[in-house]
Amino acid sequence: MSKKYKVGDHVTWNSEAGRVGGTICQVHTQDFDYKGHTHRASEDEPQYEIKSDKTDHIAAHKGSALRKTPNQ
């Protein structure tokens, strides 16, 4: 089971450009469509939409890909 996060938590994750930080803006506990792809999510394995600190880009990730950091 992944670590659980909530809206407003500041997290980091690895991307092609290196480590990126952002704030969780939505938590999904059911499957959802995002950028033309179905992302699998459940109560036990939620997925998170995160707004990047630098670009305002929204990314979707599983909790296992995230690491919580102090709010900025």
N, C-alpha and C. Protein backbone atom coordinates (compact mmCIF):
# COMPACT_ATOMS: atom_id res chain seq x y z
N MET A 1 0.85 -1.18 0.00
CA MET A 1 0.00 0.00 0.00
C MET A 1 0.89 1.24 0.00
N SER A 2 0.54 2.21 -0.81
CA SER A 2 1.30 3.46 -0.92
C SER A 2 1.03 4.37 0.27
N LYS A 3 1.95 5.27 0.48
CA LYS A 3 1.73 6.32 1.46
C LYS A 3 0.61 7.22 0.96
N LYS A 4 -0.24 7.70 1.85
CA LYS A 4 -1.37 8.54 1.45
C LYS A 4 -1.03 10.01 1.65
N TYR A 5 -1.47 10.82 0.69
CA TYR A 5 -1.25 12.25 0.72
C TYR A 5 -2.60 12.94 0.62
N LYS A 6 -2.63 14.23 0.89
CA LYS A 6 -3.89 14.98 0.80
C LYS A 6 -3.68 16.26 0.00
N VAL A 7 -4.78 16.85 -0.44
CA VAL A 7 -4.72 18.11 -1.18
C VAL A 7 -3.97 19.13 -0.32
N GLY A 8 -3.04 19.84 -0.96
CA GLY A 8 -2.25 20.84 -0.26
C GLY A 8 -0.87 20.36 0.16
N ASP A 9 -0.65 19.03 0.18
CA ASP A 9 0.67 18.51 0.53
C ASP A 9 1.66 18.88 -0.58
N HIS A 10 2.86 19.24 -0.17
CA HIS A 10 3.93 19.52 -1.14
C HIS A 10 4.76 18.25 -1.28
N VAL A 11 4.97 17.82 -2.53
CA VAL A 11 5.68 16.57 -2.81
C VAL A 11 6.71 16.79 -3.92
N THR A 12 7.62 15.83 -4.05
CA THR A 12 8.56 15.81 -5.16
C THR A 12 8.45 14.46 -5.85
N TRP A 13 8.89 14.42 -7.13
CA TRP A 13 8.91 13.19 -7.89
C TRP A 13 9.98 13.31 -8.96
N ASN A 14 10.41 12.17 -9.48
CA ASN A 14 11.39 12.15 -10.57
C ASN A 14 10.68 12.33 -11.90
N SER A 15 11.26 13.16 -12.76
CA SER A 15 10.74 13.33 -14.11
C SER A 15 11.93 13.23 -15.06
N GLU A 16 11.65 13.35 -16.36
CA GLU A 16 12.73 13.30 -17.34
C GLU A 16 13.72 14.44 -17.11
N ALA A 17 13.25 15.53 -16.52
CA ALA A 17 14.09 16.71 -16.29
C ALA A 17 14.76 16.68 -14.91
N GLY A 18 14.60 15.60 -14.16
CA GLY A 18 15.17 15.52 -12.83
C GLY A 18 14.08 15.60 -11.78
N ARG A 19 14.46 15.91 -10.55
CA ARG A 19 13.50 15.97 -9.44
C ARG A 19 12.65 17.23 -9.58
N VAL A 20 11.33 17.07 -9.47
CA VAL A 20 10.37 18.17 -9.62
C VAL A 20 9.52 18.24 -8.37
N GLY A 21 9.12 19.45 -8.00
CA GLY A 21 8.28 19.64 -6.84
C GLY A 21 6.96 20.27 -7.22
N GLY A 22 5.94 20.01 -6.41
CA GLY A 22 4.65 20.61 -6.65
C GLY A 22 3.70 20.34 -5.50
N THR A 23 2.48 20.84 -5.65
CA THR A 23 1.46 20.73 -4.62
C THR A 23 0.30 19.89 -5.14
N ILE A 24 -0.15 18.95 -4.33
CA ILE A 24 -1.26 18.10 -4.70
C ILE A 24 -2.53 18.95 -4.78
N CYS A 25 -3.20 18.87 -5.93
CA CYS A 25 -4.42 19.66 -6.12
C CYS A 25 -5.66 18.78 -6.21
N GLN A 26 -5.47 17.46 -6.41
CA GLN A 26 -6.62 16.56 -6.46
C GLN A 26 -6.18 15.14 -6.15
N VAL A 27 -7.04 14.41 -5.43
CA VAL A 27 -6.78 13.01 -5.10
C VAL A 27 -7.87 12.17 -5.77
N HIS A 28 -7.45 11.14 -6.51
CA HIS A 28 -8.39 10.25 -7.19
C HIS A 28 -8.39 8.89 -6.50
N THR A 29 -9.58 8.39 -6.16
CA THR A 29 -9.71 7.07 -5.55
C THR A 29 -10.52 6.13 -6.45
N GLN A 30 -10.83 6.59 -7.67
CA GLN A 30 -11.47 5.78 -8.70
C GLN A 30 -10.73 6.03 -10.01
N ASP A 31 -10.84 5.07 -10.93
CA ASP A 31 -10.22 5.24 -12.25
C ASP A 31 -10.67 6.56 -12.86
N PHE A 32 -9.75 7.22 -13.59
CA PHE A 32 -10.08 8.50 -14.22
C PHE A 32 -9.29 8.65 -15.51
N ASP A 33 -9.83 9.46 -16.42
CA ASP A 33 -9.15 9.76 -17.68
C ASP A 33 -8.34 11.03 -17.50
N TYR A 34 -7.10 10.98 -17.97
CA TYR A 34 -6.21 12.13 -17.86
C TYR A 34 -5.35 12.19 -19.11
N LYS A 35 -5.47 13.26 -19.86
CA LYS A 35 -4.70 13.45 -21.09
C LYS A 35 -4.83 12.27 -22.04
N GLY A 36 -6.07 11.76 -22.15
CA GLY A 36 -6.34 10.69 -23.10
C GLY A 36 -6.00 9.29 -22.63
N HIS A 37 -5.59 9.14 -21.38
CA HIS A 37 -5.24 7.83 -20.84
C HIS A 37 -6.06 7.56 -19.58
N THR A 38 -6.44 6.29 -19.40
CA THR A 38 -7.13 5.90 -18.18
C THR A 38 -6.09 5.58 -17.11
N HIS A 39 -6.20 6.25 -15.99
CA HIS A 39 -5.32 5.99 -14.84
C HIS A 39 -6.11 5.18 -13.83
N ARG A 40 -5.51 4.13 -13.32
CA ARG A 40 -6.16 3.26 -12.35
C ARG A 40 -5.93 3.81 -10.96
N ALA A 41 -7.01 3.91 -10.20
CA ALA A 41 -6.92 4.42 -8.83
C ALA A 41 -7.97 3.71 -7.98
N SER A 42 -7.69 3.60 -6.69
CA SER A 42 -8.63 2.99 -5.75
C SER A 42 -8.40 3.63 -4.38
N GLU A 43 -9.24 3.27 -3.43
CA GLU A 43 -9.06 3.77 -2.06
C GLU A 43 -7.70 3.34 -1.52
N ASP A 44 -7.28 2.10 -1.83
CA ASP A 44 -6.00 1.59 -1.34
C ASP A 44 -4.81 2.13 -2.12
N GLU A 45 -4.99 2.44 -3.40
CA GLU A 45 -3.92 2.93 -4.26
C GLU A 45 -4.39 4.18 -5.01
N PRO A 46 -4.54 5.31 -4.32
CA PRO A 46 -5.01 6.52 -5.00
C PRO A 46 -3.95 7.08 -5.96
N GLN A 47 -4.41 7.90 -6.88
CA GLN A 47 -3.50 8.66 -7.74
C GLN A 47 -3.71 10.13 -7.44
N TYR A 48 -2.67 10.91 -7.69
CA TYR A 48 -2.67 12.32 -7.31
C TYR A 48 -2.39 13.21 -8.51
N GLU A 49 -3.14 14.32 -8.60
CA GLU A 49 -2.81 15.35 -9.57
C GLU A 49 -2.02 16.40 -8.82
N ILE A 50 -0.87 16.77 -9.39
CA ILE A 50 0.06 17.68 -8.73
C ILE A 50 0.39 18.83 -9.66
N LYS A 51 0.30 20.05 -9.13
CA LYS A 51 0.64 21.25 -9.91
C LYS A 51 2.11 21.58 -9.64
N SER A 52 2.91 21.59 -10.71
CA SER A 52 4.34 21.87 -10.61
C SER A 52 4.59 23.27 -10.08
N ASP A 53 5.60 23.39 -9.23
CA ASP A 53 5.97 24.70 -8.67
C ASP A 53 6.48 25.66 -9.74
N LYS A 54 7.21 25.13 -10.72
CA LYS A 54 7.89 26.01 -11.68
C LYS A 54 7.09 26.31 -12.94
N THR A 55 6.32 25.33 -13.42
CA THR A 55 5.67 25.51 -14.72
C THR A 55 4.15 25.57 -14.65
N ASP A 56 3.56 25.30 -13.51
CA ASP A 56 2.10 25.20 -13.35
C ASP A 56 1.52 24.03 -14.13
N HIS A 57 2.38 23.14 -14.67
CA HIS A 57 1.94 21.93 -15.35
C HIS A 57 1.29 21.01 -14.32
N ILE A 58 0.25 20.29 -14.73
CA ILE A 58 -0.40 19.31 -13.86
C ILE A 58 0.06 17.92 -14.27
N ALA A 59 0.52 17.14 -13.31
CA ALA A 59 0.96 15.77 -13.55
C ALA A 59 0.13 14.84 -12.68
N ALA A 60 -0.04 13.60 -13.11
CA ALA A 60 -0.75 12.58 -12.34
C ALA A 60 0.24 11.47 -11.98
N HIS A 61 0.28 11.10 -10.69
CA HIS A 61 1.22 10.08 -10.24
C HIS A 61 0.61 9.23 -9.14
N LYS A 62 1.13 8.02 -9.03
CA LYS A 62 0.80 7.15 -7.90
C LYS A 62 1.56 7.63 -6.68
N GLY A 63 1.05 7.30 -5.52
CA GLY A 63 1.70 7.70 -4.28
C GLY A 63 3.11 7.14 -4.14
N SER A 64 3.36 5.96 -4.72
CA SER A 64 4.69 5.34 -4.61
C SER A 64 5.76 6.14 -5.33
N ALA A 65 5.37 7.03 -6.25
CA ALA A 65 6.33 7.85 -7.00
C ALA A 65 6.63 9.17 -6.29
N LEU A 66 5.91 9.44 -5.21
CA LEU A 66 6.00 10.75 -4.56
C LEU A 66 6.76 10.69 -3.24
N ARG A 67 7.33 11.82 -2.87
CA ARG A 67 8.00 11.98 -1.59
C ARG A 67 7.53 13.31 -1.00
N LYS A 68 7.01 13.28 0.22
CA LYS A 68 6.50 14.51 0.84
C LYS A 68 7.66 15.40 1.28
N THR A 69 7.48 16.71 1.07
CA THR A 69 8.46 17.70 1.49
C THR A 69 7.74 18.77 2.31
N PRO A 70 8.48 19.61 3.03
CA PRO A 70 7.82 20.68 3.76
C PRO A 70 7.10 21.62 2.79
N ASN A 71 5.93 22.15 3.18
CA ASN A 71 5.21 23.09 2.33
C ASN A 71 6.08 24.30 2.07
N GLN A 72 5.99 24.81 0.84
CA GLN A 72 6.78 25.97 0.45
C GLN A 72 5.87 27.12 0.15
